Amino acid sequence: MPRRRFSPGTGGNVEPLPYLESSPHLHARQETTQIMRAVIYSLLPACAAAVYFFGLRALWVLLLATLGCVAVEAACQRLRGTAVTVSDAVPW
C-alpha cells in the first residue's frame, strides 16, 4: 500500500506520495567490467586523434591523467575502507 500524506488546504484530502527510486533507472545484465571496457574502446579514436594532431605530448598527458585518476580512486577507496576496484577498467 503506498504511503500517503496530508495536503494542507485541500479540505483534509490525502494524496499519495510520489514514487522515488535511485538510479540506475534502466537495468542491464552487463557487469561494470564490460561497461568500462566499452568506455575505453569508445575513447580510443579520440585519443588517437589527439596524438595525431598534437603529437606524443598528448599521449604523455593522457597517460599521466589516467594514472592520476586511478591512483586517486584507489586512495579514496582505501580511505573509505571499501574494496579497491580500479581493476574494473582493465580491458583484458
PDB file of N, CA and C in Angstrom:
ATOM      1  N   MET A   1       0.848  -1.173   0.000  1.00  0.00           N
ATOM      2  CA  MET A   1       0.000   0.000   0.000  1.00  0.00           C
ATOM      3  C   MET A   1       0.897   1.240   0.000  1.00  0.00           C
ATOM      4  N   PRO A   2       0.672   2.165  -0.918  1.00  0.00           N
ATOM      5  CA  PRO A   2       1.532   3.348  -0.969  1.00  0.00           C
ATOM      6  C   PRO A   2       1.297   4.254   0.225  1.00  0.00           C
ATOM      7  N   ARG A   3       2.385   4.908   0.622  1.00  0.00           N
ATOM      8  CA  ARG A   3       2.263   5.868   1.717  1.00  0.00           C
ATOM      9  C   ARG A   3       1.471   7.068   1.240  1.00  0.00           C
ATOM     10  N   ARG A   4       0.817   7.717   2.153  1.00  0.00           N
ATOM     11  CA  ARG A   4       0.013   8.888   1.811  1.00  0.00           C
ATOM     12  C   ARG A   4       0.381  10.026   2.742  1.00  0.00           C
ATOM     13  N   ARG A   5       0.184  11.209   2.270  1.00  0.00           N
ATOM     14  CA  ARG A   5       0.468  12.379   3.091  1.00  0.00           C
ATOM     15  C   ARG A   5      -0.746  13.294   3.070  1.00  0.00           C
ATOM     16  N   PHE A   6      -0.860  14.035   4.128  1.00  0.00           N
ATOM     17  CA  PHE A   6      -1.946  15.003   4.236  1.00  0.00           C
ATOM     18  C   PHE A   6      -1.539  16.281   3.525  1.00  0.00           C
ATOM     19  N   SER A   7      -2.388  16.799   2.689  1.00  0.00           N
ATOM     20  CA  SER A   7      -2.119  18.058   1.990  1.00  0.00           C
ATOM     21  C   SER A   7      -2.920  19.161   2.650  1.00  0.00           C
ATOM     22  N   PRO A   8      -2.240  20.105   3.301  1.00  0.00           N
ATOM     23  CA  PRO A   8      -2.972  21.202   3.915  1.00  0.00           C
ATOM     24  C   PRO A   8      -3.682  22.034   2.852  1.00  0.00           C
ATOM     25  N   GLY A   9      -4.843  22.516   3.175  1.00  0.00           N
ATOM     26  CA  GLY A   9      -5.590  23.364   2.267  1.00  0.00           C
ATOM     27  C   GLY A   9      -6.422  22.600   1.264  1.00  0.00           C
ATOM     28  N   THR A  10      -6.498  21.281   1.408  1.00  0.00           N
ATOM     29  CA  THR A  10      -7.306  20.501   0.473  1.00  0.00           C
ATOM     30  C   THR A  10      -8.557  19.946   1.146  1.00  0.00           C
ATOM     31  N   GLY A  11      -8.896  20.508   2.283  1.00  0.00           N
ATOM     32  CA  GLY A  11     -10.102  20.042   2.974  1.00  0.00           C
ATOM     33  C   GLY A  11      -9.936  18.671   3.599  1.00  0.00           C
ATOM     34  N   GLY A  12      -8.706  18.301   3.950  1.00  0.00           N
ATOM     35  CA  GLY A  12      -8.484  17.014   4.598  1.00  0.00           C
ATOM     36  C   GLY A  12      -8.248  15.882   3.628  1.00  0.00           C
ATOM     37  N   ASN A  13      -8.190  16.175   2.339  1.00  0.00           N
ATOM     38  CA  ASN A  13      -7.919  15.112   1.367  1.00  0.00           C
ATOM     39  C   ASN A  13      -6.494  14.618   1.511  1.00  0.00           C
ATOM     40  N   VAL A  14      -6.300  13.366   1.209  1.00  0.00           N
ATOM     41  CA  VAL A  14      -4.986  12.734   1.299  1.00  0.00           C
ATOM     42  C   VAL A  14      -4.559  12.350  -0.111  1.00  0.00           C
ATOM     43  N   GLU A  15      -3.325  12.705  -0.468  1.00  0.00           N
ATOM     44  CA  GLU A  15      -2.819  12.349  -1.795  1.00  0.00           C
ATOM     45  C   GLU A  15      -1.633  11.413  -1.641  1.00  0.00           C
ATOM     46  N   PRO A  16      -1.412  10.521  -2.612  1.00  0.00           N
ATOM     47  CA  PRO A  16      -0.283   9.588  -2.498  1.00  0.00           C
ATOM     48  C   PRO A  16       1.049  10.312  -2.690  1.00  0.00           C
ATOM     49  N   LEU A  17       2.066   9.813  -1.995  1.00  0.00           N
ATOM     50  CA  LEU A  17       3.410  10.347  -2.155  1.00  0.00           C
ATOM     51  C   LEU A  17       3.963   9.931  -3.513  1.00  0.00           C
ATOM     52  N   PRO A  18       4.804  10.750  -4.119  1.00  0.00           N
ATOM     53  CA  PRO A  18       5.404  10.338  -5.387  1.00  0.00           C
ATOM     54  C   PRO A  18       6.351   9.168  -5.171  1.00  0.00           C
ATOM     55  N   TYR A  19       6.455   8.309  -6.174  1.00  0.00           N
ATOM     56  CA  TYR A  19       7.338   7.155  -6.100  1.00  0.00           C
ATOM     57  C   TYR A  19       8.747   7.594  -6.462  1.00  0.00           C
ATOM     58  N   LEU A  20       9.693   7.376  -5.569  1.00  0.00           N
ATOM     59  CA  LEU A  20      11.084   7.762  -5.791  1.00  0.00           C
ATOM     60  C   LEU A  20      11.960   6.530  -5.741  1.00  0.00           C
ATOM     61  N   GLU A  21      12.925   6.468  -6.648  1.00  0.00           N
ATOM     62  CA  GLU A  21      13.903   5.389  -6.608  1.00  0.00           C
ATOM     63  C   GLU A  21      15.251   5.939  -7.054  1.00  0.00           C
ATOM     64  N   SER A  22      16.301   5.262  -6.632  1.00  0.00           N
ATOM     65  CA  SER A  22      17.633   5.711  -7.009  1.00  0.00           C
ATOM     66  C   SER A  22      18.017   5.135  -8.367  1.00  0.00           C
ATOM     67  N   SER A  23      19.030   5.725  -8.978  1.00  0.00           N
ATOM     68  CA  SER A  23      19.489   5.246 -10.275  1.00  0.00           C
ATOM     69  C   SER A  23      20.235   3.922 -10.094  1.00  0.00           C
ATOM     70  N   PRO A  24      20.411   3.125 -11.074  1.00  0.00           N
ATOM     71  CA  PRO A  24      20.023   3.307 -12.469  1.00  0.00           C
ATOM     72  C   PRO A  24      18.552   2.975 -12.677  1.00  0.00           C
ATOM     73  N   HIS A  25      17.929   3.738 -13.524  1.00  0.00           N
ATOM     74  CA  HIS A  25      16.520   3.517 -13.797  1.00  0.00           C
ATOM     75  C   HIS A  25      16.310   2.428 -14.840  1.00  0.00           C
ATOM     76  N   LEU A  26      17.298   2.217 -15.679  1.00  0.00           N
ATOM     77  CA  LEU A  26      17.271   1.134 -16.650  1.00  0.00           C
ATOM     78  C   LEU A  26      18.284   0.091 -16.209  1.00  0.00           C
ATOM     79  N   HIS A  27      17.883  -1.142 -16.200  1.00  0.00           N
ATOM     80  CA  HIS A  27      18.764  -2.203 -15.735  1.00  0.00           C
ATOM     81  C   HIS A  27      19.216  -3.055 -16.909  1.00  0.00           C
ATOM     82  N   ALA A  28      20.486  -3.378 -16.927  1.00  0.00           N
ATOM     83  CA  ALA A  28      21.050  -4.242 -17.952  1.00  0.00           C
ATOM     84  C   ALA A  28      21.795  -5.369 -17.255  1.00  0.00           C
ATOM     85  N   ARG A  29      22.036  -6.411 -17.994  1.00  0.00           N
ATOM     86  CA  ARG A  29      22.735  -7.557 -17.419  1.00  0.00           C
ATOM     87  C   ARG A  29      24.247  -7.445 -17.592  1.00  0.00           C
ATOM     88  N   GLN A  30      24.735  -6.247 -17.882  1.00  0.00           N
ATOM     89  CA  GLN A  30      26.168  -6.047 -18.043  1.00  0.00           C
ATOM     90  C   GLN A  30      26.815  -5.790 -16.690  1.00  0.00           C
ATOM     91  N   GLU A  31      28.025  -6.280 -16.571  1.00  0.00           N
ATOM     92  CA  GLU A  31      28.790  -6.009 -15.367  1.00  0.00           C
ATOM     93  C   GLU A  31      29.598  -4.731 -15.557  1.00  0.00           C
ATOM     94  N   THR A  32      30.119  -4.209 -14.465  1.00  0.00           N
ATOM     95  CA  THR A  32      30.892  -2.976 -14.513  1.00  0.00           C
ATOM     96  C   THR A  32      32.105  -3.127 -15.423  1.00  0.00           C
ATOM     97  N   THR A  33      32.745  -4.289 -15.396  1.00  0.00           N
ATOM     98  CA  THR A  33      33.913  -4.517 -16.231  1.00  0.00           C
ATOM     99  C   THR A  33      33.567  -4.376 -17.710  1.00  0.00           C
ATOM    100  N   GLN A  34      32.437  -4.925 -18.125  1.00  0.00           N
ATOM    101  CA  GLN A  34      32.027  -4.837 -19.530  1.00  0.00           C
ATOM    102  C   GLN A  34      31.722  -3.393 -19.919  1.00  0.00           C
ATOM    103  N   ILE A  35      31.076  -2.664 -19.045  1.00  0.00           N
ATOM    104  CA  ILE A  35      30.736  -1.270 -19.335  1.00  0.00           C
ATOM    105  C   ILE A  35      32.005  -0.430 -19.437  1.00  0.00           C
ATOM    106  N   MET A  36      32.946  -0.622 -18.504  1.00  0.00           N
ATOM    107  CA  MET A  36      34.186   0.148 -18.537  1.00  0.00           C
ATOM    108  C   MET A  36      35.020  -0.199 -19.769  1.00  0.00           C
ATOM    109  N   ARG A  37      34.989  -1.465 -20.192  1.00  0.00           N
ATOM    110  CA  ARG A  37      35.704  -1.859 -21.402  1.00  0.00           C
ATOM    111  C   ARG A  37      35.124  -1.135 -22.615  1.00  0.00           C
ATOM    112  N   ALA A  38      33.801  -1.031 -22.685  1.00  0.00           N
ATOM    113  CA  ALA A  38      33.160  -0.309 -23.788  1.00  0.00           C
ATOM    114  C   ALA A  38      33.524   1.172 -23.754  1.00  0.00           C
ATOM    115  N   VAL A  39      33.628   1.744 -22.572  1.00  0.00           N
ATOM    116  CA  VAL A  39      34.019   3.159 -22.444  1.00  0.00           C
ATOM    117  C   VAL A  39      35.444   3.359 -22.957  1.00  0.00           C
ATOM    118  N   ILE A  40      36.345   2.473 -22.577  1.00  0.00           N
ATOM    119  CA  ILE A  40      37.732   2.589 -23.027  1.00  0.00           C
ATOM    120  C   ILE A  40      37.815   2.461 -24.546  1.00  0.00           C
ATOM    121  N   TYR A  41      37.126   1.486 -25.106  1.00  0.00           N
ATOM    122  CA  TYR A  41      37.156   1.292 -26.557  1.00  0.00           C
ATOM    123  C   TYR A  41      36.558   2.490 -27.291  1.00  0.00           C
ATOM    124  N   SER A  42      35.546   3.098 -26.724  1.00  0.00           N
ATOM    125  CA  SER A  42      34.928   4.241 -27.398  1.00  0.00           C
ATOM    126  C   SER A  42      35.812   5.496 -27.328  1.00  0.00           C
ATOM    127  N   LEU A  43      36.708   5.559 -26.357  1.00  0.00           N
ATOM    128  CA  LEU A  43      37.610   6.711 -26.240  1.00  0.00           C
ATOM    129  C   LEU A  43      38.888   6.569 -27.071  1.00  0.00           C
ATOM    130  N   LEU A  44      39.173   5.368 -27.565  1.00  0.00           N
ATOM    131  CA  LEU A  44      40.397   5.160 -28.333  1.00  0.00           C
ATOM    132  C   LEU A  44      40.485   6.031 -29.593  1.00  0.00           C
ATOM    133  N   PRO A  45      39.408   6.198 -30.381  1.00  0.00           N
ATOM    134  CA  PRO A  45      39.525   7.083 -31.550  1.00  0.00           C
ATOM    135  C   PRO A  45      39.856   8.528 -31.173  1.00  0.00           C
ATOM    136  N   ALA A  46      39.277   9.020 -30.105  1.00  0.00           N
ATOM    137  CA  ALA A  46      39.582  10.391 -29.673  1.00  0.00           C
ATOM    138  C   ALA A  46      41.038  10.504 -29.207  1.00  0.00           C
ATOM    139  N   CYS A  47      41.540   9.491 -28.534  1.00  0.00           N
ATOM    140  CA  CYS A  47      42.939   9.503 -28.098  1.00  0.00           C
ATOM    141  C   CYS A  47      43.875   9.443 -29.302  1.00  0.00           C
ATOM    142  N   ALA A  48      43.523   8.608 -30.283  1.00  0.00           N
ATOM    143  CA  ALA A  48      44.345   8.509 -31.486  1.00  0.00           C
ATOM    144  C   ALA A  48      44.359   9.839 -32.241  1.00  0.00           C
ATOM    145  N   ALA A  49      43.222  10.500 -32.322  1.00  0.00           N
ATOM    146  CA  ALA A  49      43.158  11.804 -32.987  1.00  0.00           C
ATOM    147  C   ALA A  49      43.981  12.836 -32.236  1.00  0.00           C
ATOM    148  N   ALA A  50      43.950  12.791 -30.905  1.00  0.00           N
ATOM    149  CA  ALA A  50      44.744  13.742 -30.123  1.00  0.00           C
ATOM    150  C   ALA A  50      46.233  13.551 -30.382  1.00  0.00           C
ATOM    151  N   VAL A  51      46.671  12.286 -30.442  1.00  0.00           N
ATOM    152  CA  VAL A  51      48.084  12.020 -30.709  1.00  0.00           C
ATOM    153  C   VAL A  51      48.434  12.446 -32.134  1.00  0.00           C
ATOM    154  N   TYR A  52      47.542  12.216 -33.080  1.00  0.00           N
ATOM    155  CA  TYR A  52      47.790  12.603 -34.469  1.00  0.00           C
ATOM    156  C   TYR A  52      47.931  14.118 -34.599  1.00  0.00           C
ATOM    157  N   PHE A  53      47.015  14.863 -33.991  1.00  0.00           N
ATOM    158  CA  PHE A  53      47.017  16.311 -34.146  1.00  0.00           C
ATOM    159  C   PHE A  53      48.038  17.026 -33.251  1.00  0.00           C
ATOM    160  N   PHE A  54      48.297  16.488 -32.057  1.00  0.00           N
ATOM    161  CA  PHE A  54      49.135  17.199 -31.086  1.00  0.00           C
ATOM    162  C   PHE A  54      50.448  16.493 -30.770  1.00  0.00           C
ATOM    163  N   GLY A  55      50.670  15.328 -31.324  1.00  0.00           N
ATOM    164  CA  GLY A  55      51.940  14.635 -31.135  1.00  0.00           C
ATOM    165  C   GLY A  55      51.993  13.798 -29.869  1.00  0.00           C
ATOM    166  N   LEU A  56      53.208  13.350 -29.574  1.00  0.00           N
ATOM    167  CA  LEU A  56      53.405  12.437 -28.450  1.00  0.00           C
ATOM    168  C   LEU A  56      53.171  13.102 -27.096  1.00  0.00           C
ATOM    169  N   ARG A  57      53.182  14.412 -27.055  1.00  0.00           N
ATOM    170  CA  ARG A  57      52.883  15.083 -25.779  1.00  0.00           C
ATOM    171  C   ARG A  57      51.442  14.808 -25.346  1.00  0.00           C
ATOM    172  N   ALA A  58      50.545  14.672 -26.301  1.00  0.00           N
ATOM    173  CA  ALA A  58      49.162  14.332 -25.966  1.00  0.00           C
ATOM    174  C   ALA A  58      49.091  12.938 -25.340  1.00  0.00           C
ATOM    175  N   LEU A  59      49.895  12.015 -25.861  1.00  0.00           N
ATOM    176  CA  LEU A  59      49.946  10.674 -25.281  1.00  0.00           C
ATOM    177  C   LEU A  59      50.473  10.726 -23.852  1.00  0.00           C
ATOM    178  N   TRP A  60      51.473  11.562 -23.624  1.00  0.00           N
ATOM    179  CA  TRP A  60      52.025  11.742 -22.280  1.00  0.00           C
ATOM    180  C   TRP A  60      50.973  12.307 -21.329  1.00  0.00           C
ATOM    181  N   VAL A  61      50.208  13.291 -21.790  1.00  0.00           N
ATOM    182  CA  VAL A  61      49.145  13.882 -20.969  1.00  0.00           C
ATOM    183  C   VAL A  61      48.072  12.835 -20.665  1.00  0.00           C
ATOM    184  N   LEU A  62      47.679  12.051 -21.669  1.00  0.00           N
ATOM    185  CA  LEU A  62      46.680  11.002 -21.452  1.00  0.00           C
ATOM    186  C   LEU A  62      47.166   9.975 -20.431  1.00  0.00           C
ATOM    187  N   LEU A  63      48.421   9.583 -20.547  1.00  0.00           N
ATOM    188  CA  LEU A  63      48.986   8.603 -19.616  1.00  0.00           C
ATOM    189  C   LEU A  63      49.014   9.145 -18.190  1.00  0.00           C
ATOM    190  N   LEU A  64      49.494  10.379 -18.017  1.00  0.00           N
ATOM    191  CA  LEU A  64      49.548  10.958 -16.670  1.00  0.00           C
ATOM    192  C   LEU A  64      48.153  11.157 -16.075  1.00  0.00           C
ATOM    193  N   ALA A  65      47.222  11.606 -16.895  1.00  0.00           N
ATOM    194  CA  ALA A  65      45.859  11.804 -16.402  1.00  0.00           C
ATOM    195  C   ALA A  65      45.226  10.476 -15.975  1.00  0.00           C
ATOM    196  N   THR A  66      45.443   9.444 -16.775  1.00  0.00           N
ATOM    197  CA  THR A  66      44.884   8.136 -16.446  1.00  0.00           C
ATOM    198  C   THR A  66      45.485   7.587 -15.156  1.00  0.00           C
ATOM    199  N   LEU A  67      46.807   7.647 -15.052  1.00  0.00           N
ATOM    200  CA  LEU A  67      47.457   7.155 -13.833  1.00  0.00           C
ATOM    201  C   LEU A  67      47.034   7.954 -12.606  1.00  0.00           C
ATOM    202  N   GLY A  68      46.893   9.260 -12.760  1.00  0.00           N
ATOM    203  CA  GLY A  68      46.445  10.090 -11.638  1.00  0.00           C
ATOM    204  C   GLY A  68      45.030   9.737 -11.192  1.00  0.00           C
ATOM    205  N   CYS A  69      44.158   9.537 -12.157  1.00  0.00           N
ATOM    206  CA  CYS A  69      42.771   9.184 -11.811  1.00  0.00           C
ATOM    207  C   CYS A  69      42.694   7.833 -11.117  1.00  0.00           C
ATOM    208  N   VAL A  70      43.436   6.867 -11.614  1.00  0.00           N
ATOM    209  CA  VAL A  70      43.431   5.537 -10.997  1.00  0.00           C
ATOM    210  C   VAL A  70      43.999   5.607  -9.580  1.00  0.00           C
ATOM    211  N   ALA A  71      45.064   6.375  -9.398  1.00  0.00           N
ATOM    212  CA  ALA A  71      45.665   6.496  -8.068  1.00  0.00           C
ATOM    213  C   ALA A  71      44.718   7.177  -7.080  1.00  0.00           C
ATOM    214  N   VAL A  72      44.050   8.238  -7.517  1.00  0.00           N
ATOM    215  CA  VAL A  72      43.117   8.939  -6.623  1.00  0.00           C
ATOM    216  C   VAL A  72      41.922   8.040  -6.279  1.00  0.00           C
ATOM    217  N   GLU A  73      41.412   7.307  -7.273  1.00  0.00           N
ATOM    218  CA  GLU A  73      40.290   6.408  -6.991  1.00  0.00           C
ATOM    219  C   GLU A  73      40.687   5.333  -5.985  1.00  0.00           C
ATOM    220  N   ALA A  74      41.872   4.739  -6.164  1.00  0.00           N
ATOM    221  CA  ALA A  74      42.344   3.721  -5.224  1.00  0.00           C
ATOM    222  C   ALA A  74      42.533   4.309  -3.830  1.00  0.00           C
ATOM    223  N   ALA A  75      43.091   5.506  -3.740  1.00  0.00           N
ATOM    224  CA  ALA A  75      43.290   6.142  -2.430  1.00  0.00           C
ATOM    225  C   ALA A  75      41.960   6.428  -1.744  1.00  0.00           C
ATOM    226  N   CYS A  76      40.985   6.924  -2.495  1.00  0.00           N
ATOM    227  CA  CYS A  76      39.674   7.209  -1.908  1.00  0.00           C
ATOM    228  C   CYS A  76      38.991   5.928  -1.420  1.00  0.00           C
ATOM    229  N   GLN A  77      39.119   4.850  -2.182  1.00  0.00           N
ATOM    230  CA  GLN A  77      38.515   3.593  -1.752  1.00  0.00           C
ATOM    231  C   GLN A  77      39.198   3.044  -0.513  1.00  0.00           C
ATOM    232  N   ARG A  78      40.499   3.209  -0.434  1.00  0.00           N
ATOM    233  CA  ARG A  78      41.205   2.767   0.779  1.00  0.00           C
ATOM    234  C   ARG A  78      40.802   3.603   1.985  1.00  0.00           C
ATOM    235  N   LEU A  79      40.674   4.915   1.801  1.00  0.00           N
ATOM    236  CA  LEU A  79      40.269   5.783   2.906  1.00  0.00           C
ATOM    237  C   LEU A  79      38.865   5.446   3.396  1.00  0.00           C
ATOM    238  N   ARG A  80      37.989   5.085   2.483  1.00  0.00           N
ATOM    239  CA  ARG A  80      36.620   4.715   2.856  1.00  0.00           C
ATOM    240  C   ARG A  80      36.540   3.316   3.439  1.00  0.00           C
ATOM    241  N   GLY A  81      37.600   2.528   3.284  1.00  0.00           N
ATOM    242  CA  GLY A  81      37.611   1.175   3.819  1.00  0.00           C
ATOM    243  C   GLY A  81      36.859   0.185   2.944  1.00  0.00           C
ATOM    244  N   THR A  82      36.669   0.513   1.663  1.00  0.00           N
ATOM    245  CA  THR A  82      35.991  -0.404   0.755  1.00  0.00           C
ATOM    246  C   THR A  82      37.020  -1.109  -0.119  1.00  0.00           C
ATOM    247  N   ALA A  83      36.571  -2.117  -0.814  1.00  0.00           N
ATOM    248  CA  ALA A  83      37.463  -2.867  -1.688  1.00  0.00           C
ATOM    249  C   ALA A  83      37.930  -1.977  -2.840  1.00  0.00           C
ATOM    250  N   VAL A  84      39.201  -2.082  -3.171  1.00  0.00           N
ATOM    251  CA  VAL A  84      39.759  -1.299  -4.270  1.00  0.00           C
ATOM    252  C   VAL A  84      39.367  -1.987  -5.573  1.00  0.00           C
ATOM    253  N   THR A  85      38.614  -1.270  -6.401  1.00  0.00           N
ATOM    254  CA  THR A  85      38.074  -1.860  -7.631  1.00  0.00           C
ATOM    255  C   THR A  85      38.576  -1.148  -8.874  1.00  0.00           C
ATOM    256  N   VAL A  86      39.791  -0.630  -8.841  1.00  0.00           N
ATOM    257  CA  VAL A  86      40.320   0.069 -10.009  1.00  0.00           C
ATOM    258  C   VAL A  86      40.582  -0.880 -11.169  1.00  0.00           C
ATOM    259  N   SER A  87      40.618  -2.164 -10.914  1.00  0.00           N
ATOM    260  CA  SER A  87      40.838  -3.119 -11.997  1.00  0.00           C
ATOM    261  C   SER A  87      39.584  -3.356 -12.826  1.00  0.00           C
ATOM    262  N   ASP A  88      38.465  -2.709 -12.488  1.00  0.00           N
ATOM    263  CA  ASP A  88      37.236  -2.848 -13.275  1.00  0.00           C
ATOM    264  C   ASP A  88      37.414  -2.351 -14.702  1.00  0.00           C
ATOM    265  N   ALA A  89      38.362  -1.467 -14.914  1.00  0.00           N
ATOM    266  CA  ALA A  89      38.535  -0.869 -16.241  1.00  0.00           C
ATOM    267  C   ALA A  89      39.620  -1.549 -17.064  1.00  0.00           C
ATOM    268  N   VAL A  90      40.215  -2.610 -16.552  1.00  0.00           N
ATOM    269  CA  VAL A  90      41.282  -3.284 -17.285  1.00  0.00           C
ATOM    270  C   VAL A  90      40.663  -4.018 -18.472  1.00  0.00           C
ATOM    271  N   PRO A  91      41.106  -3.722 -19.699  1.00  0.00           N
ATOM    272  CA  PRO A  91      40.450  -4.278 -20.864  1.00  0.00           C
ATOM    273  C   PRO A  91      40.844  -5.700 -21.226  1.00  0.00           C
ATOM    274  N   TRP A  92      41.630  -6.402 -20.429  1.00  0.00           N
ATOM    275  CA  TRP A  92      41.983  -7.785 -20.763  1.00  0.00           C
ATOM    276  C   TRP A  92      41.538  -8.719 -19.692  1.00  0.00           C
TER     277      TRP A  92
END
